[in-house]
Amino acid sequence: MADLKNIDLKAAVAKLNEFQLDDLNNIDWENMGSWPLPGKIFFCALIFVAVLTGGYFLLVADNMETLQGEVQKESTLKKDFEAKAFRVANLDAYKAQMVEMQESFGSLLKQLPRDTEVPGLIDDISAAALGAGLKLNAIDPQPMTQTEFYKELPINIEVTGGYHEMGAFVSSVAALPRIVTLHDFTIQKSRDSGMLSMKILAKTYQYSDGGDQ
């Protein structure tokens, strides 16, 4: 049986070797049954490869692109789910932080002077200058300016005295119970008295809820 298979295989190889390229022109495409065995085998293999290739590009390739898109979508959904799960797990902590922020905000609002408290604030700044041993030459409130969330009141201040006294004055203003910030200071030495003169811009703020605009 094995000898018979070897004989048939050798015969098929021999016939395939006898096949010439010029024989393609003499192929009878309407009577494929008359083709030699090697030609039939080659043609069937060619059709098989063509079917596999066409099936891959028509079916598998499109499905692979769809699969990759679904995998990416799955990854995005997992990240969204993890982020939302984290927020849900920390919801109580966020609520506690919100309450704390509201309390802090209310405390800060109490430090903003109202219209009726501005004269008292000016008196406090004047007392801080005199308490530090400075001569108060001028304290001049400027027009109120409106921003999105608050009103801003600039106050021009001019004092005369020593360097250390000026430092004590700045510390006293920073320690006031109301929010006051200091900006744009200049210090010059007087040619006549030899004393230092400081000009500084103080700013205080009022909360604006939008109803005054």
N, C-alpha and C. Protein backbone atom coordinates (compact mmCIF):
# COMPACT_ATOMS: atom_id res chain seq x y z
N MET A 1 0.84 -1.21 0.00
CA MET A 1 0.00 0.00 0.00
C MET A 1 0.86 1.24 0.00
N ALA A 2 1.94 1.18 0.83
CA ALA A 2 2.86 2.33 0.89
C ALA A 2 3.57 2.50 -0.43
N ASP A 3 3.92 1.33 -1.12
CA ASP A 3 4.60 1.43 -2.41
C ASP A 3 3.71 2.06 -3.44
N LEU A 4 2.42 1.76 -3.35
CA LEU A 4 1.46 2.33 -4.31
C LEU A 4 1.35 3.83 -4.15
N LYS A 5 1.35 4.30 -2.90
CA LYS A 5 1.28 5.75 -2.64
C LYS A 5 2.52 6.43 -3.17
N ASN A 6 3.69 5.77 -2.97
CA ASN A 6 4.94 6.37 -3.44
C ASN A 6 4.95 6.46 -4.96
N ILE A 7 4.39 5.45 -5.60
CA ILE A 7 4.35 5.45 -7.07
C ILE A 7 3.46 6.58 -7.56
N ASP A 8 2.27 6.71 -6.91
CA ASP A 8 1.35 7.78 -7.34
C ASP A 8 1.97 9.15 -7.10
N LEU A 9 2.65 9.37 -5.97
CA LEU A 9 3.26 10.66 -5.66
C LEU A 9 4.36 10.97 -6.66
N LYS A 10 5.14 9.97 -6.97
CA LYS A 10 6.22 10.19 -7.94
C LYS A 10 5.65 10.52 -9.30
N ALA A 11 4.55 9.87 -9.63
CA ALA A 11 3.94 10.14 -10.93
C ALA A 11 3.38 11.55 -11.00
N ALA A 12 2.78 11.99 -9.88
CA ALA A 12 2.21 13.34 -9.84
C ALA A 12 3.31 14.39 -9.95
N VAL A 13 4.43 14.14 -9.26
CA VAL A 13 5.55 15.09 -9.31
C VAL A 13 6.13 15.13 -10.71
N ALA A 14 6.19 13.97 -11.35
CA ALA A 14 6.74 13.90 -12.70
C ALA A 14 5.86 14.67 -13.66
N LYS A 15 4.56 14.49 -13.53
CA LYS A 15 3.65 15.23 -14.41
C LYS A 15 3.72 16.73 -14.17
N LEU A 16 3.91 17.11 -12.91
CA LEU A 16 4.01 18.53 -12.59
C LEU A 16 5.27 19.12 -13.20
N ASN A 17 6.35 18.35 -13.21
CA ASN A 17 7.60 18.83 -13.82
C ASN A 17 7.47 18.96 -15.32
N GLU A 18 6.61 18.09 -15.90
CA GLU A 18 6.42 18.16 -17.34
C GLU A 18 5.57 19.35 -17.76
N PHE A 19 4.91 19.98 -16.79
CA PHE A 19 4.01 21.10 -17.09
C PHE A 19 4.83 22.32 -17.49
N GLN A 20 4.52 22.88 -18.61
CA GLN A 20 5.22 24.03 -19.14
C GLN A 20 4.32 25.28 -19.05
N LEU A 21 4.99 26.44 -18.94
CA LEU A 21 4.24 27.69 -18.83
C LEU A 21 3.42 27.96 -20.09
N ASP A 22 3.92 27.48 -21.22
CA ASP A 22 3.18 27.71 -22.48
C ASP A 22 1.87 26.93 -22.50
N ASP A 23 1.76 25.89 -21.64
CA ASP A 23 0.54 25.09 -21.62
C ASP A 23 -0.65 25.88 -21.10
N LEU A 24 -0.38 27.03 -20.41
CA LEU A 24 -1.49 27.84 -19.92
C LEU A 24 -2.35 28.37 -21.05
N ASN A 25 -1.73 28.60 -22.19
CA ASN A 25 -2.49 29.11 -23.33
C ASN A 25 -3.40 28.05 -23.93
N ASN A 26 -3.11 26.78 -23.65
CA ASN A 26 -3.88 25.70 -24.25
C ASN A 26 -4.91 25.11 -23.29
N ILE A 27 -5.08 25.78 -22.11
CA ILE A 27 -6.02 25.24 -21.13
C ILE A 27 -7.44 25.40 -21.63
N ASP A 28 -8.20 24.35 -21.50
CA ASP A 28 -9.62 24.37 -21.88
C ASP A 28 -10.43 24.72 -20.64
N TRP A 29 -10.77 26.01 -20.51
CA TRP A 29 -11.47 26.47 -19.30
C TRP A 29 -12.91 25.98 -19.26
N GLU A 30 -13.45 25.56 -20.42
CA GLU A 30 -14.83 25.08 -20.44
C GLU A 30 -14.92 23.59 -20.10
N ASN A 31 -13.81 22.87 -20.12
CA ASN A 31 -13.81 21.44 -19.83
C ASN A 31 -12.70 21.16 -18.81
N MET A 32 -12.95 21.61 -17.54
CA MET A 32 -11.93 21.46 -16.51
C MET A 32 -11.72 19.99 -16.13
N GLY A 33 -12.69 19.14 -16.43
CA GLY A 33 -12.53 17.73 -16.10
C GLY A 33 -11.43 17.06 -16.89
N SER A 34 -11.07 17.62 -18.03
CA SER A 34 -10.01 17.03 -18.84
C SER A 34 -8.63 17.48 -18.43
N TRP A 35 -8.54 18.35 -17.42
CA TRP A 35 -7.21 18.83 -17.00
C TRP A 35 -6.42 17.71 -16.35
N PRO A 36 -5.14 17.79 -16.41
CA PRO A 36 -4.30 16.81 -15.69
C PRO A 36 -4.43 17.01 -14.18
N LEU A 37 -4.10 15.97 -13.44
CA LEU A 37 -4.26 16.02 -11.98
C LEU A 37 -3.49 17.17 -11.33
N PRO A 38 -2.22 17.40 -11.70
CA PRO A 38 -1.51 18.52 -11.06
C PRO A 38 -2.20 19.87 -11.30
N GLY A 39 -2.76 20.04 -12.50
CA GLY A 39 -3.47 21.29 -12.78
C GLY A 39 -4.70 21.44 -11.91
N LYS A 40 -5.43 20.33 -11.74
CA LYS A 40 -6.62 20.39 -10.88
C LYS A 40 -6.24 20.73 -9.45
N ILE A 41 -5.16 20.07 -8.95
CA ILE A 41 -4.72 20.34 -7.58
C ILE A 41 -4.31 21.79 -7.41
N PHE A 42 -3.53 22.31 -8.35
CA PHE A 42 -3.07 23.70 -8.28
C PHE A 42 -4.25 24.67 -8.33
N PHE A 43 -5.20 24.39 -9.22
CA PHE A 43 -6.34 25.30 -9.35
C PHE A 43 -7.19 25.27 -8.07
N CYS A 44 -7.39 24.08 -7.51
CA CYS A 44 -8.16 23.98 -6.26
C CYS A 44 -7.45 24.71 -5.12
N ALA A 45 -6.12 24.57 -5.05
CA ALA A 45 -5.36 25.27 -4.00
C ALA A 45 -5.46 26.78 -4.19
N LEU A 46 -5.42 27.23 -5.47
CA LEU A 46 -5.53 28.65 -5.75
C LEU A 46 -6.89 29.20 -5.33
N ILE A 47 -7.93 28.45 -5.63
CA ILE A 47 -9.28 28.87 -5.22
C ILE A 47 -9.40 28.90 -3.69
N PHE A 48 -8.80 27.89 -3.04
CA PHE A 48 -8.86 27.83 -1.58
C PHE A 48 -8.18 29.04 -0.94
N VAL A 49 -7.02 29.40 -1.47
CA VAL A 49 -6.30 30.58 -0.95
C VAL A 49 -7.10 31.85 -1.21
N ALA A 50 -7.69 31.95 -2.40
CA ALA A 50 -8.48 33.13 -2.74
C ALA A 50 -9.69 33.28 -1.83
N VAL A 51 -10.34 32.14 -1.53
CA VAL A 51 -11.51 32.17 -0.64
C VAL A 51 -11.10 32.60 0.76
N LEU A 52 -9.99 32.05 1.26
CA LEU A 52 -9.52 32.43 2.59
C LEU A 52 -9.17 33.91 2.65
N THR A 53 -8.47 34.38 1.61
CA THR A 53 -8.07 35.80 1.61
C THR A 53 -9.28 36.71 1.54
N GLY A 54 -10.22 36.38 0.62
CA GLY A 54 -11.42 37.19 0.51
C GLY A 54 -12.25 37.16 1.78
N GLY A 55 -12.36 35.98 2.40
CA GLY A 55 -13.13 35.88 3.65
C GLY A 55 -12.51 36.70 4.77
N TYR A 56 -11.15 36.73 4.80
CA TYR A 56 -10.49 37.51 5.85
C TYR A 56 -10.80 38.99 5.68
N PHE A 57 -10.63 39.51 4.47
CA PHE A 57 -10.84 40.95 4.26
C PHE A 57 -12.31 41.34 4.34
N LEU A 58 -13.21 40.44 3.94
CA LEU A 58 -14.63 40.77 3.95
C LEU A 58 -15.26 40.58 5.33
N LEU A 59 -14.79 39.62 6.08
CA LEU A 59 -15.44 39.29 7.36
C LEU A 59 -14.54 39.58 8.56
N VAL A 60 -13.38 38.96 8.56
CA VAL A 60 -12.52 39.03 9.75
C VAL A 60 -11.96 40.43 9.96
N ALA A 61 -11.48 41.09 8.90
CA ALA A 61 -10.85 42.41 9.06
C ALA A 61 -11.82 43.42 9.64
N ASP A 62 -13.07 43.46 9.09
CA ASP A 62 -14.06 44.39 9.63
C ASP A 62 -14.39 44.08 11.07
N ASN A 63 -14.51 42.79 11.38
CA ASN A 63 -14.82 42.42 12.75
C ASN A 63 -13.68 42.74 13.70
N MET A 64 -12.44 42.66 13.23
CA MET A 64 -11.29 43.00 14.06
C MET A 64 -11.31 44.49 14.41
N GLU A 65 -11.64 45.34 13.42
CA GLU A 65 -11.74 46.77 13.69
C GLU A 65 -12.86 47.06 14.69
N THR A 66 -13.99 46.37 14.51
CA THR A 66 -15.09 46.54 15.46
C THR A 66 -14.69 46.08 16.85
N LEU A 67 -13.96 44.97 16.92
CA LEU A 67 -13.51 44.44 18.21
C LEU A 67 -12.56 45.42 18.89
N GLN A 68 -11.63 46.00 18.14
CA GLN A 68 -10.70 46.97 18.72
C GLN A 68 -11.44 48.19 19.25
N GLY A 69 -12.45 48.65 18.49
CA GLY A 69 -13.25 49.77 18.96
C GLY A 69 -13.99 49.46 20.24
N GLU A 70 -14.54 48.24 20.33
CA GLU A 70 -15.25 47.85 21.54
C GLU A 70 -14.31 47.70 22.73
N VAL A 71 -13.09 47.23 22.46
CA VAL A 71 -12.11 47.11 23.55
C VAL A 71 -11.74 48.48 24.09
N GLN A 72 -11.53 49.45 23.20
CA GLN A 72 -11.23 50.81 23.64
C GLN A 72 -12.40 51.42 24.40
N LYS A 73 -13.60 51.16 23.90
CA LYS A 73 -14.79 51.68 24.59
C LYS A 73 -14.90 51.06 25.98
N GLU A 74 -14.61 49.77 26.08
CA GLU A 74 -14.67 49.10 27.37
C GLU A 74 -13.67 49.71 28.35
N SER A 75 -12.45 50.01 27.85
CA SER A 75 -11.44 50.62 28.71
C SER A 75 -11.89 51.99 29.21
N THR A 76 -12.50 52.80 28.32
CA THR A 76 -12.99 54.12 28.71
C THR A 76 -14.11 54.00 29.74
N LEU A 77 -15.03 53.07 29.53
CA LEU A 77 -16.13 52.87 30.46
C LEU A 77 -15.63 52.41 31.82
N LYS A 78 -14.58 51.58 31.83
CA LYS A 78 -14.01 51.13 33.11
C LYS A 78 -13.43 52.30 33.89
N LYS A 79 -12.72 53.19 33.17
CA LYS A 79 -12.13 54.35 33.85
C LYS A 79 -13.22 55.27 34.39
N ASP A 80 -14.30 55.49 33.59
CA ASP A 80 -15.40 56.32 34.06
C ASP A 80 -16.07 55.69 35.28
N PHE A 81 -16.24 54.38 35.23
CA PHE A 81 -16.87 53.69 36.35
C PHE A 81 -16.01 53.81 37.61
N GLU A 82 -14.70 53.64 37.46
CA GLU A 82 -13.81 53.74 38.62
C GLU A 82 -13.85 55.14 39.21
N ALA A 83 -13.86 56.18 38.34
CA ALA A 83 -13.91 57.55 38.84
C ALA A 83 -15.21 57.83 39.58
N LYS A 84 -16.33 57.36 39.00
CA LYS A 84 -17.63 57.57 39.65
C LYS A 84 -17.73 56.77 40.94
N ALA A 85 -17.20 55.56 40.93
CA ALA A 85 -17.23 54.75 42.15
C ALA A 85 -16.41 55.41 43.26
N PHE A 86 -15.29 56.03 42.88
CA PHE A 86 -14.47 56.72 43.87
C PHE A 86 -15.22 57.91 44.46
N ARG A 87 -15.91 58.66 43.58
CA ARG A 87 -16.67 59.82 44.09
C ARG A 87 -17.81 59.38 44.99
N VAL A 88 -18.48 58.30 44.61
CA VAL A 88 -19.59 57.81 45.45
C VAL A 88 -19.06 57.34 46.80
N ALA A 89 -17.92 56.64 46.79
CA ALA A 89 -17.35 56.14 48.04
C ALA A 89 -16.93 57.28 48.96
N ASN A 90 -16.57 58.44 48.38
CA ASN A 90 -16.13 59.57 49.18
C ASN A 90 -17.18 60.67 49.27
N LEU A 91 -18.44 60.32 48.98
CA LEU A 91 -19.50 61.33 48.98
C LEU A 91 -19.67 61.96 50.36
N ASP A 92 -19.64 61.14 51.41
CA ASP A 92 -19.80 61.68 52.76
C ASP A 92 -18.67 62.64 53.11
N ALA A 93 -17.46 62.29 52.69
CA ALA A 93 -16.31 63.17 52.95
C ALA A 93 -16.46 64.49 52.20
N TYR A 94 -16.97 64.42 50.95
CA TYR A 94 -17.19 65.64 50.17
C TYR A 94 -18.24 66.52 50.84
N LYS A 95 -19.30 65.90 51.36
CA LYS A 95 -20.34 66.67 52.03
C LYS A 95 -19.78 67.37 53.28
N ALA A 96 -18.95 66.64 54.02
CA ALA A 96 -18.34 67.23 55.22
C ALA A 96 -17.42 68.39 54.84
N GLN A 97 -16.67 68.24 53.75
CA GLN A 97 -15.81 69.33 53.29
C GLN A 97 -16.64 70.53 52.85
N MET A 98 -17.79 70.27 52.20
CA MET A 98 -18.65 71.37 51.77
C MET A 98 -19.17 72.15 52.96
N VAL A 99 -19.58 71.45 54.01
CA VAL A 99 -20.06 72.13 55.22
C VAL A 99 -18.93 72.95 55.84
N GLU A 100 -17.73 72.38 55.88
CA GLU A 100 -16.58 73.09 56.45
C GLU A 100 -16.25 74.34 55.62
N MET A 101 -16.31 74.21 54.29
CA MET A 101 -16.03 75.35 53.42
C MET A 101 -17.08 76.45 53.61
N GLN A 102 -18.34 76.06 53.76
CA GLN A 102 -19.38 77.05 53.97
C GLN A 102 -19.18 77.79 55.29
N GLU A 103 -18.77 77.05 56.32
CA GLU A 103 -18.51 77.70 57.60
C GLU A 103 -17.31 78.64 57.51
N SER A 104 -16.25 78.20 56.80
CA SER A 104 -15.08 79.06 56.64
C SER A 104 -15.43 80.30 55.83
N PHE A 105 -16.26 80.11 54.79
CA PHE A 105 -16.66 81.24 53.95
C PHE A 105 -17.46 82.24 54.78
N GLY A 106 -18.36 81.73 55.62
CA GLY A 106 -19.14 82.63 56.47
C GLY A 106 -18.25 83.38 57.44
N SER A 107 -17.22 82.70 57.95
CA SER A 107 -16.30 83.36 58.86
C SER A 107 -15.52 84.45 58.15
N LEU A 108 -15.11 84.21 56.92
CA LEU A 108 -14.40 85.23 56.15
C LEU A 108 -15.30 86.42 55.83
N LEU A 109 -16.57 86.13 55.53
CA LEU A 109 -17.50 87.23 55.23
C LEU A 109 -17.64 88.17 56.43
N LYS A 110 -17.59 87.59 57.63
CA LYS A 110 -17.72 88.43 58.83
C LYS A 110 -16.53 89.36 59.00
N GLN A 111 -15.40 89.01 58.37
CA GLN A 111 -14.21 89.86 58.46
C GLN A 111 -14.22 90.98 57.43
N LEU A 112 -15.17 90.95 56.51
CA LEU A 112 -15.28 92.02 55.51
C LEU A 112 -16.13 93.15 56.09
N PRO A 113 -15.61 94.36 56.08
CA PRO A 113 -16.37 95.47 56.68
C PRO A 113 -17.60 95.82 55.86
N ARG A 114 -18.68 96.18 56.54
CA ARG A 114 -19.86 96.72 55.87
C ARG A 114 -19.68 98.22 55.70
N ASP A 115 -20.61 98.83 54.98
CA ASP A 115 -20.49 100.27 54.72
C ASP A 115 -20.38 101.06 56.01
N THR A 116 -21.14 100.68 57.03
CA THR A 116 -21.15 101.42 58.28
C THR A 116 -19.89 101.20 59.11
N GLU A 117 -19.09 100.17 58.76
CA GLU A 117 -17.89 99.87 59.53
C GLU A 117 -16.63 100.48 58.93
N VAL A 118 -16.72 101.04 57.73
CA VAL A 118 -15.54 101.60 57.08
C VAL A 118 -14.93 102.73 57.89
N PRO A 119 -15.70 103.69 58.41
CA PRO A 119 -15.08 104.75 59.23
C PRO A 119 -14.35 104.18 60.44
N GLY A 120 -14.91 103.16 61.09
CA GLY A 120 -14.24 102.55 62.22
C GLY A 120 -12.94 101.88 61.81
N LEU A 121 -12.92 101.26 60.59
CA LEU A 121 -11.71 100.64 60.10
C LEU A 121 -10.63 101.68 59.85
N ILE A 122 -11.01 102.83 59.31
CA ILE A 122 -10.05 103.91 59.09
C ILE A 122 -9.48 104.39 60.42
N ASP A 123 -10.34 104.47 61.43
CA ASP A 123 -9.86 104.85 62.76
C ASP A 123 -8.86 103.82 63.29
N ASP A 124 -9.12 102.53 63.03
CA ASP A 124 -8.20 101.49 63.50
C ASP A 124 -6.84 101.61 62.80
N ILE A 125 -6.84 101.92 61.52
CA ILE A 125 -5.57 102.09 60.79
C ILE A 125 -4.82 103.30 61.32
N SER A 126 -5.55 104.37 61.58
CA SER A 126 -4.92 105.58 62.14
C SER A 126 -4.32 105.29 63.51
N ALA A 127 -5.05 104.55 64.35
CA ALA A 127 -4.55 104.21 65.68
C ALA A 127 -3.31 103.32 65.59
N ALA A 128 -3.28 102.42 64.59
CA ALA A 128 -2.12 101.56 64.41
C ALA A 128 -0.89 102.38 64.05
N ALA A 129 -1.05 103.40 63.20
CA ALA A 129 0.07 104.26 62.83
C ALA A 129 0.58 105.05 64.03
N LEU A 130 -0.34 105.67 64.77
CA LEU A 130 0.06 106.46 65.93
C LEU A 130 0.63 105.57 67.03
N GLY A 131 0.06 104.37 67.21
CA GLY A 131 0.57 103.45 68.23
C GLY A 131 1.97 102.96 67.93
N ALA A 132 2.33 102.91 66.65
CA ALA A 132 3.68 102.49 66.26
C ALA A 132 4.68 103.63 66.35
N GLY A 133 4.21 104.82 66.70
CA GLY A 133 5.11 105.96 66.82
C GLY A 133 5.33 106.70 65.52
N LEU A 134 4.43 106.56 64.57
CA LEU A 134 4.54 107.24 63.29
C LEU A 134 3.66 108.49 63.28
N LYS A 135 4.05 109.43 62.45
CA LYS A 135 3.22 110.60 62.22
C LYS A 135 2.35 110.31 61.00
N LEU A 136 1.03 110.39 61.17
CA LEU A 136 0.09 110.11 60.08
C LEU A 136 -0.12 111.40 59.29
N ASN A 137 0.42 111.44 58.09
CA ASN A 137 0.30 112.62 57.25
C ASN A 137 -1.00 112.62 56.45
N ALA A 138 -1.44 111.46 56.00
CA ALA A 138 -2.67 111.40 55.19
C ALA A 138 -3.23 109.99 55.23
N ILE A 139 -4.54 109.91 55.23
CA ILE A 139 -5.25 108.64 55.05
C ILE A 139 -6.48 108.96 54.20
N ASP A 140 -6.44 108.54 52.95
CA ASP A 140 -7.39 109.03 51.95
C ASP A 140 -8.11 107.86 51.27
N PRO A 141 -9.35 107.54 51.67
CA PRO A 141 -10.12 106.48 50.98
C PRO A 141 -10.43 106.88 49.54
N GLN A 142 -10.31 105.93 48.63
CA GLN A 142 -10.59 106.15 47.22
C GLN A 142 -11.97 105.57 46.87
N PRO A 143 -12.47 105.90 45.68
CA PRO A 143 -13.78 105.35 45.30
C PRO A 143 -13.80 103.82 45.30
N MET A 144 -14.93 103.26 45.69
CA MET A 144 -15.12 101.82 45.74
C MET A 144 -15.14 101.26 44.31
N THR A 145 -14.47 100.14 44.10
CA THR A 145 -14.49 99.47 42.80
C THR A 145 -15.20 98.13 42.94
N GLN A 146 -15.94 97.75 41.89
CA GLN A 146 -16.76 96.55 41.91
C GLN A 146 -16.08 95.46 41.09
N THR A 147 -15.94 94.28 41.66
CA THR A 147 -15.48 93.10 40.92
C THR A 147 -16.64 92.11 40.85
N GLU A 148 -16.36 90.91 40.37
CA GLU A 148 -17.44 89.95 40.16
C GLU A 148 -18.09 89.50 41.47
N PHE A 149 -17.26 89.31 42.52
CA PHE A 149 -17.78 88.74 43.75
C PHE A 149 -17.66 89.67 44.96
N TYR A 150 -16.94 90.75 44.85
CA TYR A 150 -16.74 91.61 46.01
C TYR A 150 -16.46 93.05 45.56
N LYS A 151 -16.57 93.96 46.53
CA LYS A 151 -16.21 95.35 46.31
C LYS A 151 -14.85 95.61 46.95
N GLU A 152 -14.11 96.49 46.34
CA GLU A 152 -12.76 96.78 46.80
C GLU A 152 -12.64 98.26 47.13
N LEU A 153 -12.16 98.57 48.36
CA LEU A 153 -12.00 99.96 48.79
C LEU A 153 -10.52 100.25 48.98
N PRO A 154 -9.90 101.01 48.06
CA PRO A 154 -8.48 101.39 48.23
C PRO A 154 -8.38 102.58 49.19
N ILE A 155 -7.32 102.59 50.00
CA ILE A 155 -7.07 103.68 50.95
C ILE A 155 -5.59 104.06 50.84
N ASN A 156 -5.32 105.30 50.43
CA ASN A 156 -3.95 105.79 50.35
C ASN A 156 -3.51 106.29 51.74
N ILE A 157 -2.35 105.83 52.19
CA ILE A 157 -1.84 106.18 53.52
C ILE A 157 -0.43 106.74 53.36
N GLU A 158 -0.14 107.81 54.11
CA GLU A 158 1.20 108.38 54.13
C GLU A 158 1.60 108.64 55.58
N VAL A 159 2.73 108.07 55.98
CA VAL A 159 3.22 108.22 57.36
C VAL A 159 4.69 108.61 57.32
N THR A 160 5.15 109.18 58.44
CA THR A 160 6.54 109.60 58.60
C THR A 160 7.06 109.06 59.91
N GLY A 161 8.29 108.54 59.89
CA GLY A 161 8.87 108.01 61.12
C GLY A 161 10.09 107.16 60.81
N GLY A 162 10.46 106.31 61.78
CA GLY A 162 11.61 105.45 61.61
C GLY A 162 11.28 104.14 60.93
N TYR A 163 12.33 103.43 60.49
CA TYR A 163 12.17 102.19 59.76
C TYR A 163 11.49 101.12 60.61
N HIS A 164 11.93 100.97 61.85
CA HIS A 164 11.36 99.95 62.72
C HIS A 164 9.90 100.28 63.07
N GLU A 165 9.61 101.56 63.22
CA GLU A 165 8.23 101.96 63.51
C GLU A 165 7.31 101.60 62.34
N MET A 166 7.82 101.77 61.12
CA MET A 166 7.03 101.40 59.94
C MET A 166 6.76 99.91 59.91
N GLY A 167 7.75 99.11 60.29
CA GLY A 167 7.54 97.67 60.35
C GLY A 167 6.49 97.30 61.38
N ALA A 168 6.50 98.00 62.54
CA ALA A 168 5.50 97.74 63.56
C ALA A 168 4.11 98.15 63.08
N PHE A 169 4.03 99.21 62.31
CA PHE A 169 2.74 99.65 61.76
C PHE A 169 2.17 98.61 60.80
N VAL A 170 3.00 98.09 59.93
CA VAL A 170 2.54 97.08 58.96
C VAL A 170 2.05 95.83 59.70
N SER A 171 2.77 95.43 60.75
CA SER A 171 2.34 94.27 61.53
C SER A 171 1.02 94.52 62.23
N SER A 172 0.82 95.73 62.73
CA SER A 172 -0.43 96.06 63.42
C SER A 172 -1.61 96.03 62.47
N VAL A 173 -1.43 96.55 61.25
CA VAL A 173 -2.51 96.54 60.27
C VAL A 173 -2.84 95.11 59.86
N ALA A 174 -1.81 94.28 59.69
CA ALA A 174 -2.05 92.88 59.31
C ALA A 174 -2.78 92.11 60.41
N ALA A 175 -2.66 92.57 61.67
CA ALA A 175 -3.30 91.88 62.79
C ALA A 175 -4.71 92.39 63.08
N LEU A 176 -5.21 93.33 62.29
CA LEU A 176 -6.56 93.84 62.52
C LEU A 176 -7.58 92.73 62.31
N PRO A 177 -8.71 92.77 63.03
CA PRO A 177 -9.73 91.71 62.89
C PRO A 177 -10.43 91.74 61.54
N ARG A 178 -10.32 92.83 60.81
CA ARG A 178 -10.91 92.93 59.48
C ARG A 178 -9.84 92.70 58.42
N ILE A 179 -10.26 92.19 57.27
CA ILE A 179 -9.30 91.89 56.20
C ILE A 179 -8.81 93.18 55.57
N VAL A 180 -7.51 93.44 55.70
CA VAL A 180 -6.86 94.60 55.08
C VAL A 180 -5.56 94.11 54.46
N THR A 181 -5.34 94.43 53.20
CA THR A 181 -4.10 94.06 52.53
C THR A 181 -3.34 95.32 52.16
N LEU A 182 -2.02 95.25 52.14
CA LEU A 182 -1.16 96.40 51.87
C LEU A 182 -0.43 96.18 50.55
N HIS A 183 -0.33 97.23 49.74
CA HIS A 183 0.23 97.12 48.40
C HIS A 183 1.07 98.36 48.07
N ASP A 184 1.99 98.20 47.11
CA ASP A 184 2.65 99.31 46.40
C ASP A 184 3.20 100.38 47.35
N PHE A 185 4.07 99.98 48.28
CA PHE A 185 4.62 100.98 49.19
C PHE A 185 5.92 101.56 48.62
N THR A 186 6.19 102.82 48.96
CA THR A 186 7.44 103.49 48.62
C THR A 186 7.95 104.20 49.87
N ILE A 187 9.25 104.14 50.11
CA ILE A 187 9.87 104.77 51.27
C ILE A 187 10.95 105.73 50.77
N GLN A 188 10.88 106.96 51.23
CA GLN A 188 11.86 107.98 50.87
C GLN A 188 12.37 108.67 52.13
N LYS A 189 13.59 109.16 52.05
CA LYS A 189 14.19 109.87 53.18
C LYS A 189 14.09 111.37 52.94
N SER A 190 13.59 112.09 53.95
CA SER A 190 13.43 113.55 53.84
C SER A 190 14.80 114.22 53.95
N ARG A 191 15.05 115.18 53.05
CA ARG A 191 16.32 115.89 53.07
C ARG A 191 16.40 116.86 54.25
N ASP A 192 15.26 117.38 54.67
CA ASP A 192 15.25 118.38 55.75
C ASP A 192 15.40 117.74 57.11
N SER A 193 14.51 116.78 57.44
CA SER A 193 14.50 116.20 58.79
C SER A 193 15.28 114.90 58.90
N GLY A 194 15.58 114.28 57.78
CA GLY A 194 16.26 112.99 57.80
C GLY A 194 15.36 111.83 58.15
N MET A 195 14.06 112.08 58.34
CA MET A 195 13.09 111.04 58.65
C MET A 195 12.65 110.31 57.38
N LEU A 196 12.14 109.13 57.57
CA LEU A 196 11.63 108.35 56.46
C LEU A 196 10.15 108.64 56.25
N SER A 197 9.77 108.71 54.98
CA SER A 197 8.36 108.92 54.63
C SER A 197 7.91 107.72 53.79
N MET A 198 6.80 107.11 54.20
CA MET A 198 6.29 105.94 53.49
C MET A 198 4.89 106.21 52.96
N LYS A 199 4.71 105.90 51.68
CA LYS A 199 3.39 105.93 51.07
C LYS A 199 3.00 104.49 50.77
N ILE A 200 1.82 104.09 51.17
CA ILE A 200 1.38 102.71 51.00
C ILE A 200 -0.11 102.68 50.69
N LEU A 201 -0.50 101.71 49.89
CA LEU A 201 -1.91 101.55 49.51
C LEU A 201 -2.50 100.39 50.29
N ALA A 202 -3.50 100.68 51.09
CA ALA A 202 -4.23 99.64 51.82
C ALA A 202 -5.54 99.36 51.09
N LYS A 203 -5.94 98.09 51.09
CA LYS A 203 -7.20 97.70 50.45
C LYS A 203 -8.02 96.87 51.43
N THR A 204 -9.29 97.20 51.53
CA THR A 204 -10.23 96.38 52.27
C THR A 204 -11.38 96.02 51.35
N TYR A 205 -12.18 95.06 51.74
CA TYR A 205 -13.13 94.46 50.80
C TYR A 205 -14.50 94.31 51.44
N GLN A 206 -15.50 94.36 50.59
CA GLN A 206 -16.87 94.11 51.00
C GLN A 206 -17.47 93.05 50.09
N TYR A 207 -18.21 92.13 50.69
CA TYR A 207 -18.82 91.07 49.91
C TYR A 207 -19.96 91.63 49.06
N SER A 208 -20.02 91.18 47.81
CA SER A 208 -21.08 91.61 46.89
C SER A 208 -21.82 90.38 46.42
N ASP A 209 -23.15 90.36 46.66
CA ASP A 209 -23.96 89.22 46.21
C ASP A 209 -24.55 89.42 44.83
N GLY A 210 -24.13 90.50 44.15
CA GLY A 210 -24.64 90.76 42.80
C GLY A 210 -25.86 91.63 42.77
N GLY A 211 -26.51 91.86 43.89
CA GLY A 211 -27.73 92.66 43.89
C GLY A 211 -27.46 94.14 43.85
N ASP A 212 -26.20 94.54 44.18
CA ASP A 212 -25.88 95.96 44.19
C ASP A 212 -25.41 96.48 42.86
N GLN A 213 -25.15 95.57 41.91
CA GLN A 213 -24.60 96.00 40.63
C GLN A 213 -25.67 96.68 39.77
